[in-house]
Amino acid sequence: MFTKNILLTIAVMSICLGCKSKKSSKSQPSPAMDSTQTVIDNALVGNWATNCNADELGGAVYSETLFTINGEVTHHSTLYNDTKCSDKSATITIKGTYTTGKILTNPSNAKELDLYYSRSIFTPYNAETVEQLNVEKACNQQWVINVGQDITEETCLGDTPESRKIKSLQIYRVSDSILEIGENSQENSPSVRPTTLSPDRLTKKPSTIND
């Protein structure tokens, strides 16, 4: 069975909701984290999922983001070895809090969204991925199937937004069961709020996030 390079996959992808491309993540600071005031939009509460999206390395990614009524956010991005999302390789879980802000006139009916990511966990799911991580001594951990390791503030899987405590400024729009999130470019940083919405829409689905 072929298993693509999981570390390379992480390096070329933007996983977390509201994070920009990896290529410029190191040069741009994120805003100071301050999540003391919680403002929640009930329309955003729930679990939002992507389609099974093929990546450029012959695999795929399926992502879910769960917003709770008490201001917590959990984002799962699961990496697959195939393009049909059937051969699961690993999951990156990002936890934090969020607040919503004012309604915008452009894009119309969009709102401000501030994301405060505070914890990152990486979980491998098959023997091939675990073997690769252990051979490369990733994060100086002994990796085990189905056991997540905390990689918060670590650079052992690449210096990515997913492994750092950051505040990300975003925008969003909810219409029926569709969630649109601001579109980020390589030039954007977490401190720059997007001004356009991404064409990649998320749909409300029952959550599989249980941790």
N, C-alpha and C. Protein backbone atom coordinates (compact mmCIF):
# COMPACT_ATOMS: atom_id res chain seq x y z
N MET A 1 0.85 -1.20 0.00
CA MET A 1 0.00 0.00 0.00
C MET A 1 0.88 1.24 0.00
N PHE A 2 0.56 2.19 -0.87
CA PHE A 2 1.35 3.42 -0.95
C PHE A 2 0.84 4.43 0.05
N THR A 3 1.74 5.01 0.82
CA THR A 3 1.38 6.08 1.73
C THR A 3 2.21 7.30 1.37
N LYS A 4 1.55 8.40 1.04
CA LYS A 4 2.28 9.60 0.66
C LYS A 4 2.96 10.21 1.88
N ASN A 5 3.93 11.06 1.64
CA ASN A 5 4.70 11.68 2.72
C ASN A 5 3.81 12.62 3.53
N ILE A 6 3.49 12.21 4.77
CA ILE A 6 2.56 12.97 5.57
C ILE A 6 3.13 14.32 5.97
N LEU A 7 4.44 14.40 6.19
CA LEU A 7 5.05 15.67 6.56
C LEU A 7 5.02 16.64 5.39
N LEU A 8 5.24 16.13 4.18
CA LEU A 8 5.18 16.97 2.99
C LEU A 8 3.75 17.47 2.78
N THR A 9 2.78 16.60 3.03
CA THR A 9 1.38 17.00 2.88
C THR A 9 1.05 18.17 3.77
N ILE A 10 1.47 18.11 5.03
CA ILE A 10 1.21 19.20 5.96
C ILE A 10 1.90 20.47 5.49
N ALA A 11 3.10 20.33 4.96
CA ALA A 11 3.90 21.49 4.58
C ALA A 11 3.29 22.29 3.44
N VAL A 12 2.53 21.64 2.55
CA VAL A 12 2.02 22.35 1.38
C VAL A 12 0.56 22.74 1.51
N MET A 13 -0.08 22.44 2.65
CA MET A 13 -1.50 22.68 2.78
C MET A 13 -1.80 23.72 3.83
N SER A 14 -2.92 24.41 3.65
CA SER A 14 -3.45 25.31 4.67
C SER A 14 -4.63 24.61 5.30
N ILE A 15 -4.49 24.19 6.55
CA ILE A 15 -5.47 23.33 7.19
C ILE A 15 -6.51 24.09 7.98
N CYS A 16 -6.08 24.98 8.86
CA CYS A 16 -7.03 25.54 9.81
C CYS A 16 -7.93 26.59 9.20
N LEU A 17 -9.16 26.65 9.70
CA LEU A 17 -10.12 27.63 9.24
C LEU A 17 -9.60 29.03 9.52
N GLY A 18 -9.47 29.83 8.47
CA GLY A 18 -8.99 31.19 8.66
C GLY A 18 -7.50 31.35 8.57
N CYS A 19 -6.75 30.25 8.37
CA CYS A 19 -5.30 30.36 8.21
C CYS A 19 -4.97 30.55 6.75
N LYS A 20 -3.91 31.30 6.49
CA LYS A 20 -3.50 31.55 5.13
C LYS A 20 -2.50 30.50 4.68
N SER A 21 -1.99 30.68 3.47
CA SER A 21 -1.00 29.77 2.92
C SER A 21 0.24 29.72 3.79
N LYS A 22 0.87 28.54 3.84
CA LYS A 22 2.07 28.36 4.63
C LYS A 22 3.22 29.25 4.17
N LYS A 23 3.25 29.63 2.90
CA LYS A 23 4.44 30.26 2.35
C LYS A 23 4.78 31.58 3.01
N SER A 24 3.77 32.26 3.59
CA SER A 24 4.07 33.54 4.21
C SER A 24 3.78 33.56 5.70
N SER A 25 3.48 32.39 6.29
CA SER A 25 3.04 32.37 7.68
C SER A 25 4.12 32.80 8.65
N LYS A 26 5.37 32.59 8.34
CA LYS A 26 6.42 32.88 9.29
C LYS A 26 6.75 34.36 9.36
N SER A 27 6.53 35.09 8.29
CA SER A 27 6.95 36.48 8.23
C SER A 27 5.92 37.44 8.80
N GLN A 28 4.70 36.98 9.03
CA GLN A 28 3.64 37.87 9.46
C GLN A 28 3.22 37.54 10.88
N PRO A 29 3.22 38.52 11.81
CA PRO A 29 2.79 38.27 13.18
C PRO A 29 1.28 38.17 13.26
N SER A 30 0.79 37.47 14.27
CA SER A 30 -0.64 37.44 14.51
C SER A 30 -0.99 38.46 15.57
N PRO A 31 -2.25 38.92 15.61
CA PRO A 31 -2.63 39.90 16.61
C PRO A 31 -2.53 39.31 18.00
N ALA A 32 -2.45 40.19 19.01
CA ALA A 32 -2.43 39.73 20.39
C ALA A 32 -3.74 39.00 20.70
N MET A 33 -3.65 37.91 21.44
CA MET A 33 -4.82 37.12 21.76
C MET A 33 -5.54 37.72 22.96
N ASP A 34 -6.84 37.98 22.80
CA ASP A 34 -7.66 38.50 23.87
C ASP A 34 -9.09 38.03 23.63
N SER A 35 -9.46 36.95 24.27
CA SER A 35 -10.79 36.37 24.06
C SER A 35 -11.66 36.53 25.29
N THR A 36 -11.50 37.62 26.03
CA THR A 36 -12.22 37.80 27.28
C THR A 36 -13.69 38.09 27.05
N GLN A 37 -14.02 38.74 25.92
CA GLN A 37 -15.42 39.07 25.63
C GLN A 37 -15.95 38.11 24.58
N THR A 38 -17.03 37.41 24.93
CA THR A 38 -17.59 36.42 24.03
C THR A 38 -18.90 36.93 23.43
N VAL A 39 -18.92 37.08 22.12
CA VAL A 39 -20.13 37.46 21.41
C VAL A 39 -20.41 36.35 20.40
N ILE A 40 -21.60 35.75 20.50
CA ILE A 40 -21.90 34.56 19.71
C ILE A 40 -23.09 34.84 18.78
N ASP A 41 -22.95 34.42 17.54
CA ASP A 41 -24.04 34.47 16.57
C ASP A 41 -24.63 33.07 16.50
N ASN A 42 -25.89 32.93 16.88
CA ASN A 42 -26.52 31.60 16.90
C ASN A 42 -26.54 30.95 15.53
N ALA A 43 -26.54 31.76 14.48
CA ALA A 43 -26.57 31.19 13.12
C ALA A 43 -25.28 30.43 12.81
N LEU A 44 -24.19 30.79 13.49
CA LEU A 44 -22.91 30.13 13.24
C LEU A 44 -22.75 28.85 14.05
N VAL A 45 -23.50 28.72 15.13
CA VAL A 45 -23.36 27.56 16.01
C VAL A 45 -23.75 26.29 15.26
N GLY A 46 -22.91 25.27 15.37
CA GLY A 46 -23.15 24.00 14.71
C GLY A 46 -21.88 23.46 14.08
N ASN A 47 -22.00 22.40 13.34
CA ASN A 47 -20.86 21.75 12.69
C ASN A 47 -20.90 21.98 11.19
N TRP A 48 -19.79 22.48 10.67
CA TRP A 48 -19.71 22.83 9.25
C TRP A 48 -18.61 22.01 8.59
N ALA A 49 -18.91 21.43 7.45
CA ALA A 49 -17.97 20.49 6.82
C ALA A 49 -17.73 20.84 5.36
N THR A 50 -16.54 20.48 4.90
CA THR A 50 -16.19 20.62 3.49
C THR A 50 -16.59 19.37 2.74
N ASN A 51 -16.38 19.38 1.45
CA ASN A 51 -16.43 18.16 0.67
C ASN A 51 -15.12 17.40 0.85
N CYS A 52 -15.04 16.22 0.29
CA CYS A 52 -13.77 15.50 0.23
C CYS A 52 -12.98 16.13 -0.91
N ASN A 53 -11.94 16.88 -0.57
CA ASN A 53 -11.19 17.65 -1.56
C ASN A 53 -9.84 17.01 -1.87
N ALA A 54 -9.64 16.65 -3.12
CA ALA A 54 -8.37 16.06 -3.54
C ALA A 54 -7.25 17.09 -3.40
N ASP A 55 -6.06 16.63 -2.99
CA ASP A 55 -4.91 17.53 -2.90
C ASP A 55 -3.95 17.27 -4.06
N GLU A 56 -2.89 18.05 -4.13
CA GLU A 56 -1.97 17.97 -5.27
C GLU A 56 -1.00 16.81 -5.17
N LEU A 57 -1.06 16.04 -4.07
CA LEU A 57 -0.13 14.93 -3.87
C LEU A 57 -0.80 13.57 -4.04
N GLY A 58 -2.01 13.56 -4.57
CA GLY A 58 -2.69 12.29 -4.83
C GLY A 58 -3.55 11.81 -3.69
N GLY A 59 -3.74 12.63 -2.66
CA GLY A 59 -4.60 12.27 -1.54
C GLY A 59 -5.79 13.22 -1.48
N ALA A 60 -6.34 13.38 -0.28
CA ALA A 60 -7.50 14.26 -0.11
C ALA A 60 -7.57 14.73 1.33
N VAL A 61 -8.41 15.75 1.54
CA VAL A 61 -8.63 16.31 2.87
C VAL A 61 -10.13 16.49 3.09
N TYR A 62 -10.59 16.13 4.28
CA TYR A 62 -11.96 16.39 4.69
C TYR A 62 -11.91 17.15 6.01
N SER A 63 -12.59 18.29 6.07
CA SER A 63 -12.49 19.15 7.25
C SER A 63 -13.87 19.42 7.85
N GLU A 64 -13.88 19.52 9.19
CA GLU A 64 -15.06 19.90 9.93
C GLU A 64 -14.68 20.98 10.94
N THR A 65 -15.58 21.93 11.14
CA THR A 65 -15.38 22.95 12.16
C THR A 65 -16.64 23.05 12.99
N LEU A 66 -16.49 22.84 14.29
CA LEU A 66 -17.62 22.85 15.22
C LEU A 66 -17.58 24.11 16.07
N PHE A 67 -18.61 24.95 15.94
CA PHE A 67 -18.76 26.15 16.76
C PHE A 67 -19.83 25.86 17.82
N THR A 68 -19.51 26.05 19.09
CA THR A 68 -20.46 25.79 20.16
C THR A 68 -21.09 27.08 20.65
N ILE A 69 -22.20 26.95 21.37
CA ILE A 69 -22.92 28.09 21.88
C ILE A 69 -22.13 28.86 22.93
N ASN A 70 -21.18 28.19 23.59
CA ASN A 70 -20.38 28.84 24.64
C ASN A 70 -19.07 29.42 24.13
N GLY A 71 -18.94 29.54 22.81
CA GLY A 71 -17.80 30.24 22.25
C GLY A 71 -16.57 29.39 22.00
N GLU A 72 -16.71 28.08 22.00
CA GLU A 72 -15.57 27.20 21.70
C GLU A 72 -15.62 26.78 20.23
N VAL A 73 -14.42 26.59 19.66
CA VAL A 73 -14.33 26.12 18.28
C VAL A 73 -13.33 24.98 18.21
N THR A 74 -13.72 23.91 17.50
CA THR A 74 -12.83 22.78 17.26
C THR A 74 -12.81 22.50 15.77
N HIS A 75 -11.61 22.45 15.23
CA HIS A 75 -11.44 22.22 13.79
C HIS A 75 -10.67 20.92 13.57
N HIS A 76 -11.26 20.03 12.77
CA HIS A 76 -10.62 18.78 12.37
C HIS A 76 -10.30 18.83 10.89
N SER A 77 -9.08 18.52 10.51
CA SER A 77 -8.75 18.26 9.12
C SER A 77 -8.13 16.88 9.03
N THR A 78 -8.80 15.98 8.33
CA THR A 78 -8.32 14.61 8.20
C THR A 78 -7.70 14.43 6.82
N LEU A 79 -6.48 13.91 6.82
CA LEU A 79 -5.73 13.66 5.59
C LEU A 79 -5.94 12.22 5.15
N TYR A 80 -6.12 12.02 3.86
CA TYR A 80 -6.36 10.69 3.30
C TYR A 80 -5.30 10.37 2.25
N ASN A 81 -5.02 9.08 2.11
CA ASN A 81 -4.05 8.62 1.12
C ASN A 81 -4.66 8.51 -0.28
N ASP A 82 -5.99 8.53 -0.35
CA ASP A 82 -6.67 8.40 -1.64
C ASP A 82 -7.54 9.63 -1.87
N THR A 83 -8.08 9.76 -3.07
CA THR A 83 -8.87 10.94 -3.42
C THR A 83 -10.35 10.78 -3.08
N LYS A 84 -10.75 9.63 -2.54
CA LYS A 84 -12.16 9.39 -2.21
C LYS A 84 -12.44 9.45 -0.70
N CYS A 85 -11.42 9.84 0.07
CA CYS A 85 -11.55 9.95 1.52
C CYS A 85 -11.99 8.63 2.17
N SER A 86 -11.32 7.55 1.77
CA SER A 86 -11.61 6.25 2.37
C SER A 86 -10.41 5.67 3.12
N ASP A 87 -9.19 6.07 2.76
CA ASP A 87 -7.98 5.55 3.40
C ASP A 87 -7.39 6.64 4.30
N LYS A 88 -7.87 6.67 5.54
CA LYS A 88 -7.50 7.74 6.46
C LYS A 88 -6.06 7.60 6.93
N SER A 89 -5.35 8.73 6.91
CA SER A 89 -3.94 8.73 7.28
C SER A 89 -3.69 9.41 8.63
N ALA A 90 -4.21 10.62 8.81
CA ALA A 90 -3.96 11.36 10.04
C ALA A 90 -4.95 12.51 10.16
N THR A 91 -5.10 13.02 11.37
CA THR A 91 -5.96 14.18 11.61
C THR A 91 -5.20 15.24 12.39
N ILE A 92 -5.36 16.48 11.96
CA ILE A 92 -4.90 17.63 12.73
C ILE A 92 -6.13 18.25 13.40
N THR A 93 -6.10 18.34 14.72
CA THR A 93 -7.19 18.94 15.49
C THR A 93 -6.71 20.24 16.10
N ILE A 94 -7.47 21.30 15.89
CA ILE A 94 -7.12 22.62 16.41
C ILE A 94 -8.27 23.09 17.29
N LYS A 95 -7.95 23.49 18.51
CA LYS A 95 -8.97 23.91 19.47
C LYS A 95 -8.76 25.36 19.86
N GLY A 96 -9.85 26.01 20.22
CA GLY A 96 -9.75 27.39 20.66
C GLY A 96 -11.11 27.98 20.97
N THR A 97 -11.19 29.29 20.86
CA THR A 97 -12.43 30.01 21.08
C THR A 97 -12.66 30.98 19.93
N TYR A 98 -13.85 31.57 19.90
CA TYR A 98 -14.16 32.51 18.84
C TYR A 98 -15.13 33.57 19.33
N THR A 99 -15.14 34.69 18.66
CA THR A 99 -16.14 35.74 18.87
C THR A 99 -16.60 36.25 17.52
N THR A 100 -17.83 36.72 17.46
CA THR A 100 -18.34 37.31 16.23
C THR A 100 -18.53 38.80 16.43
N GLY A 101 -18.49 39.54 15.32
CA GLY A 101 -18.53 41.00 15.41
C GLY A 101 -19.60 41.62 14.55
N LYS A 102 -19.32 42.79 14.06
CA LYS A 102 -20.32 43.61 13.38
C LYS A 102 -20.66 43.08 11.99
N ILE A 103 -21.84 43.45 11.53
CA ILE A 103 -22.27 43.12 10.17
C ILE A 103 -21.57 44.05 9.19
N LEU A 104 -21.13 43.48 8.07
CA LEU A 104 -20.40 44.24 7.06
C LEU A 104 -21.32 44.60 5.89
N THR A 105 -21.01 45.68 5.25
CA THR A 105 -21.75 46.04 4.04
C THR A 105 -21.12 45.44 2.79
N ASN A 106 -19.85 45.10 2.89
CA ASN A 106 -19.14 44.48 1.76
C ASN A 106 -18.13 43.46 2.30
N PRO A 107 -18.38 42.15 2.03
CA PRO A 107 -19.49 41.56 1.31
C PRO A 107 -20.81 41.73 2.09
N SER A 108 -21.90 41.85 1.39
CA SER A 108 -23.18 42.13 2.04
C SER A 108 -23.58 40.99 2.97
N ASN A 109 -24.05 41.37 4.16
CA ASN A 109 -24.54 40.44 5.18
C ASN A 109 -23.46 39.54 5.78
N ALA A 110 -22.22 39.80 5.45
CA ALA A 110 -21.13 39.08 6.12
C ALA A 110 -20.88 39.71 7.49
N LYS A 111 -20.20 38.96 8.35
CA LYS A 111 -19.89 39.45 9.70
C LYS A 111 -18.43 39.20 10.02
N GLU A 112 -17.92 39.95 10.98
CA GLU A 112 -16.57 39.72 11.47
C GLU A 112 -16.52 38.46 12.33
N LEU A 113 -15.41 37.75 12.23
CA LEU A 113 -15.19 36.54 13.03
C LEU A 113 -13.74 36.53 13.49
N ASP A 114 -13.54 36.46 14.81
CA ASP A 114 -12.19 36.38 15.38
C ASP A 114 -11.98 34.99 15.96
N LEU A 115 -10.94 34.31 15.51
CA LEU A 115 -10.62 32.95 15.94
C LEU A 115 -9.37 32.97 16.80
N TYR A 116 -9.43 32.30 17.95
CA TYR A 116 -8.31 32.26 18.88
C TYR A 116 -7.87 30.80 19.03
N TYR A 117 -6.88 30.38 18.24
CA TYR A 117 -6.41 28.99 18.30
C TYR A 117 -5.41 28.83 19.44
N SER A 118 -5.62 27.84 20.30
CA SER A 118 -4.77 27.70 21.48
C SER A 118 -4.17 26.31 21.67
N ARG A 119 -4.65 25.30 20.94
CA ARG A 119 -4.11 23.95 21.12
C ARG A 119 -4.19 23.18 19.81
N SER A 120 -3.13 22.43 19.50
CA SER A 120 -3.07 21.64 18.27
C SER A 120 -2.67 20.20 18.60
N ILE A 121 -3.36 19.24 17.99
CA ILE A 121 -3.11 17.82 18.23
C ILE A 121 -3.00 17.11 16.89
N PHE A 122 -2.02 16.22 16.78
CA PHE A 122 -1.83 15.44 15.56
C PHE A 122 -2.02 13.97 15.88
N THR A 123 -2.92 13.29 15.13
CA THR A 123 -3.24 11.89 15.39
C THR A 123 -3.04 11.05 14.13
N PRO A 124 -2.13 10.07 14.15
CA PRO A 124 -1.96 9.17 12.99
C PRO A 124 -2.92 7.98 13.11
N TYR A 125 -3.34 7.44 11.96
CA TYR A 125 -4.35 6.38 11.97
C TYR A 125 -3.91 5.05 11.38
N ASN A 126 -2.76 4.99 10.74
CA ASN A 126 -2.37 3.70 10.18
C ASN A 126 -0.89 3.42 10.41
N ALA A 127 -0.52 2.17 10.21
CA ALA A 127 0.84 1.74 10.52
C ALA A 127 1.87 2.45 9.66
N GLU A 128 1.53 2.70 8.39
CA GLU A 128 2.48 3.34 7.50
C GLU A 128 2.81 4.77 7.95
N THR A 129 1.78 5.50 8.35
CA THR A 129 2.00 6.88 8.83
C THR A 129 2.81 6.88 10.11
N VAL A 130 2.46 5.98 11.04
CA VAL A 130 3.19 5.89 12.30
C VAL A 130 4.65 5.53 12.06
N GLU A 131 4.89 4.59 11.15
CA GLU A 131 6.26 4.20 10.85
C GLU A 131 7.05 5.38 10.29
N GLN A 132 6.45 6.13 9.40
CA GLN A 132 7.13 7.29 8.81
C GLN A 132 7.47 8.32 9.88
N LEU A 133 6.51 8.60 10.78
CA LEU A 133 6.74 9.58 11.84
C LEU A 133 7.86 9.12 12.77
N ASN A 134 7.88 7.83 13.10
CA ASN A 134 8.90 7.32 14.01
C ASN A 134 10.27 7.24 13.35
N VAL A 135 10.31 6.88 12.07
CA VAL A 135 11.59 6.86 11.36
C VAL A 135 12.20 8.25 11.31
N GLU A 136 11.36 9.24 11.09
CA GLU A 136 11.85 10.62 11.01
C GLU A 136 11.93 11.28 12.39
N LYS A 137 11.59 10.50 13.44
CA LYS A 137 11.64 11.00 14.82
C LYS A 137 10.92 12.34 14.96
N ALA A 138 9.74 12.40 14.35
CA ALA A 138 8.97 13.63 14.34
C ALA A 138 8.58 14.06 15.76
N CYS A 139 8.92 15.27 16.11
CA CYS A 139 8.59 15.87 17.40
C CYS A 139 9.21 15.15 18.59
N ASN A 140 10.18 14.29 18.31
CA ASN A 140 10.82 13.50 19.38
C ASN A 140 9.80 12.72 20.20
N GLN A 141 8.76 12.26 19.53
CA GLN A 141 7.70 11.49 20.16
C GLN A 141 7.75 10.04 19.67
N GLN A 142 7.23 9.14 20.51
CA GLN A 142 7.00 7.77 20.07
C GLN A 142 5.55 7.71 19.61
N TRP A 143 5.35 7.66 18.30
CA TRP A 143 4.01 7.73 17.75
C TRP A 143 3.32 6.37 17.77
N VAL A 144 2.02 6.39 18.05
CA VAL A 144 1.21 5.17 18.14
C VAL A 144 -0.09 5.41 17.37
N ILE A 145 -0.59 4.37 16.73
CA ILE A 145 -1.84 4.47 15.97
C ILE A 145 -2.98 4.92 16.88
N ASN A 146 -3.75 5.89 16.39
CA ASN A 146 -4.96 6.41 17.07
C ASN A 146 -4.67 7.14 18.37
N VAL A 147 -3.44 7.54 18.60
CA VAL A 147 -3.08 8.30 19.80
C VAL A 147 -2.57 9.68 19.37
N GLY A 148 -3.28 10.71 19.79
CA GLY A 148 -2.90 12.06 19.42
C GLY A 148 -1.77 12.60 20.27
N GLN A 149 -0.91 13.41 19.67
CA GLN A 149 0.18 14.07 20.38
C GLN A 149 -0.02 15.58 20.27
N ASP A 150 0.16 16.27 21.39
CA ASP A 150 0.03 17.72 21.41
C ASP A 150 1.22 18.35 20.69
N ILE A 151 0.97 19.13 19.63
CA ILE A 151 2.05 19.77 18.88
C ILE A 151 1.96 21.30 18.98
N THR A 152 1.24 21.79 19.98
CA THR A 152 1.10 23.23 20.15
C THR A 152 2.46 23.89 20.34
N GLU A 153 2.69 24.94 19.57
CA GLU A 153 3.94 25.70 19.63
C GLU A 153 5.16 24.89 19.20
N GLU A 154 4.94 23.76 18.55
CA GLU A 154 6.04 22.95 18.03
C GLU A 154 6.24 23.24 16.55
N THR A 155 7.46 23.09 16.07
CA THR A 155 7.74 23.25 14.65
C THR A 155 8.19 21.94 14.02
N CYS A 156 8.02 20.85 14.76
CA CYS A 156 8.54 19.56 14.30
C CYS A 156 7.77 19.01 13.10
N LEU A 157 6.54 19.46 12.88
CA LEU A 157 5.81 19.06 11.69
C LEU A 157 5.72 20.21 10.70
N GLY A 158 6.65 21.16 10.83
CA GLY A 158 6.66 22.34 9.98
C GLY A 158 6.20 23.55 10.76
N ASP A 159 6.74 24.72 10.43
CA ASP A 159 6.35 25.95 11.09
C ASP A 159 5.07 26.45 10.45
N THR A 160 3.94 25.93 10.90
CA THR A 160 2.65 26.18 10.27
C THR A 160 1.70 26.87 11.24
N PRO A 161 0.67 27.55 10.71
CA PRO A 161 -0.34 28.13 11.59
C PRO A 161 -1.01 27.09 12.48
N GLU A 162 -1.09 25.85 12.00
CA GLU A 162 -1.77 24.80 12.76
C GLU A 162 -1.07 24.47 14.08
N SER A 163 0.22 24.75 14.19
CA SER A 163 0.95 24.36 15.40
C SER A 163 1.20 25.54 16.33
N ARG A 164 0.62 26.71 16.02
CA ARG A 164 0.91 27.89 16.82
C ARG A 164 -0.34 28.44 17.48
N LYS A 165 -0.13 29.10 18.61
CA LYS A 165 -1.22 29.84 19.24
C LYS A 165 -1.35 31.16 18.49
N ILE A 166 -2.46 31.33 17.80
CA ILE A 166 -2.64 32.55 17.03
C ILE A 166 -4.07 33.06 17.14
N LYS A 167 -4.23 34.33 16.87
CA LYS A 167 -5.55 34.91 16.65
C LYS A 167 -5.66 35.20 15.16
N SER A 168 -6.73 34.73 14.55
CA SER A 168 -6.92 34.93 13.13
C SER A 168 -8.18 35.76 12.90
N LEU A 169 -8.03 36.87 12.18
CA LEU A 169 -9.16 37.73 11.85
C LEU A 169 -9.82 37.22 10.58
N GLN A 170 -11.14 37.02 10.64
CA GLN A 170 -11.86 36.43 9.52
C GLN A 170 -13.18 37.14 9.30
N ILE A 171 -13.86 36.76 8.23
CA ILE A 171 -15.25 37.16 7.98
C ILE A 171 -16.02 35.90 7.60
N TYR A 172 -17.34 35.97 7.75
CA TYR A 172 -18.16 34.81 7.39
C TYR A 172 -19.57 35.28 7.02
N ARG A 173 -20.28 34.40 6.35
CA ARG A 173 -21.69 34.64 6.03
C ARG A 173 -22.43 33.31 6.07
N VAL A 174 -23.55 33.29 6.77
CA VAL A 174 -24.38 32.09 6.86
C VAL A 174 -25.68 32.32 6.13
N SER A 175 -26.02 31.40 5.25
CA SER A 175 -27.29 31.44 4.53
C SER A 175 -27.86 30.04 4.50
N ASP A 176 -29.00 29.86 5.19
CA ASP A 176 -29.62 28.54 5.33
C ASP A 176 -28.59 27.59 5.95
N SER A 177 -28.18 26.56 5.24
CA SER A 177 -27.22 25.59 5.77
C SER A 177 -25.86 25.70 5.09
N ILE A 178 -25.55 26.90 4.60
CA ILE A 178 -24.29 27.15 3.91
C ILE A 178 -23.47 28.18 4.68
N LEU A 179 -22.20 27.89 4.89
CA LEU A 179 -21.27 28.82 5.54
C LEU A 179 -20.19 29.20 4.55
N GLU A 180 -20.02 30.51 4.37
CA GLU A 180 -18.93 31.03 3.55
C GLU A 180 -17.92 31.72 4.47
N ILE A 181 -16.64 31.46 4.22
CA ILE A 181 -15.55 32.01 5.03
C ILE A 181 -14.69 32.92 4.14
N GLY A 182 -14.07 33.90 4.74
CA GLY A 182 -13.22 34.82 4.00
C GLY A 182 -12.11 34.11 3.25
N GLU A 183 -11.80 34.63 2.06
CA GLU A 183 -10.75 34.04 1.23
C GLU A 183 -9.40 34.65 1.58
N ASN A 184 -8.43 33.79 1.88
CA ASN A 184 -7.09 34.24 2.22
C ASN A 184 -6.15 34.00 1.05
N SER A 185 -5.15 34.84 0.95
CA SER A 185 -4.12 34.68 -0.08
C SER A 185 -2.77 34.56 0.59
N GLN A 186 -1.75 34.30 -0.19
CA GLN A 186 -0.40 34.18 0.36
C GLN A 186 0.05 35.49 0.98
N GLU A 187 -0.52 36.60 0.53
CA GLU A 187 -0.10 37.89 1.07
C GLU A 187 -0.77 38.20 2.41
N ASN A 188 -1.90 37.54 2.69
CA ASN A 188 -2.62 37.81 3.92
C ASN A 188 -1.88 37.25 5.13
N SER A 189 -2.10 37.85 6.27
CA SER A 189 -1.62 37.30 7.53
C SER A 189 -2.81 37.19 8.46
N PRO A 190 -2.67 36.49 9.60
CA PRO A 190 -3.80 36.42 10.54
C PRO A 190 -4.28 37.78 11.00
N SER A 191 -3.42 38.81 10.91
CA SER A 191 -3.80 40.14 11.37
C SER A 191 -4.51 40.96 10.30
N VAL A 192 -4.67 40.39 9.11
CA VAL A 192 -5.36 41.08 8.02
C VAL A 192 -6.69 40.38 7.76
N ARG A 193 -7.78 41.09 8.01
CA ARG A 193 -9.10 40.48 7.80
C ARG A 193 -9.42 40.45 6.30
N PRO A 194 -9.84 39.29 5.77
CA PRO A 194 -10.17 39.21 4.34
C PRO A 194 -11.30 40.17 3.98
N THR A 195 -11.37 40.51 2.73
CA THR A 195 -12.43 41.41 2.25
C THR A 195 -13.35 40.73 1.24
N THR A 196 -13.03 39.49 0.88
CA THR A 196 -13.88 38.72 -0.03
C THR A 196 -14.13 37.34 0.57
N LEU A 197 -15.20 36.71 0.12
CA LEU A 197 -15.56 35.38 0.60
C LEU A 197 -15.05 34.31 -0.36
N SER A 198 -14.58 33.21 0.21
CA SER A 198 -14.07 32.11 -0.60
C SER A 198 -15.21 31.40 -1.33
N PRO A 199 -14.96 30.93 -2.54
CA PRO A 199 -15.98 30.15 -3.25
C PRO A 199 -16.17 28.75 -2.67
N ASP A 200 -15.24 28.33 -1.81
CA ASP A 200 -15.33 27.00 -1.18
C ASP A 200 -16.27 27.08 0.01
N ARG A 201 -17.48 26.62 -0.16
CA ARG A 201 -18.51 26.72 0.87
C ARG A 201 -18.55 25.48 1.75
N LEU A 202 -18.96 25.68 3.00
CA LEU A 202 -19.13 24.59 3.95
C LEU A 202 -20.62 24.39 4.19
N THR A 203 -21.00 23.15 4.44
CA THR A 203 -22.40 22.83 4.70
C THR A 203 -22.56 22.31 6.12
N LYS A 204 -23.73 22.57 6.71
CA LYS A 204 -23.99 22.12 8.08
C LYS A 204 -24.33 20.64 8.05
N LYS A 205 -23.59 19.86 8.85
CA LYS A 205 -23.77 18.41 8.91
C LYS A 205 -23.63 17.94 10.36
N PRO A 206 -24.15 16.77 10.68
CA PRO A 206 -23.93 16.22 12.02
C PRO A 206 -22.45 16.07 12.28
N SER A 207 -22.03 16.39 13.50
CA SER A 207 -20.61 16.39 13.83
C SER A 207 -20.09 14.98 14.10
N THR A 208 -18.85 14.74 13.65
CA THR A 208 -18.13 13.52 14.04
C THR A 208 -17.04 13.87 15.04
N ILE A 209 -16.97 15.15 15.44
CA ILE A 209 -15.97 15.60 16.40
C ILE A 209 -16.42 15.21 17.79
N ASN A 210 -15.65 14.37 18.46
CA ASN A 210 -16.03 13.90 19.79
C ASN A 210 -14.94 14.06 20.81
N ASP A 211 -13.96 14.91 20.55
CA ASP A 211 -12.90 15.14 21.52
C ASP A 211 -12.59 16.63 21.61
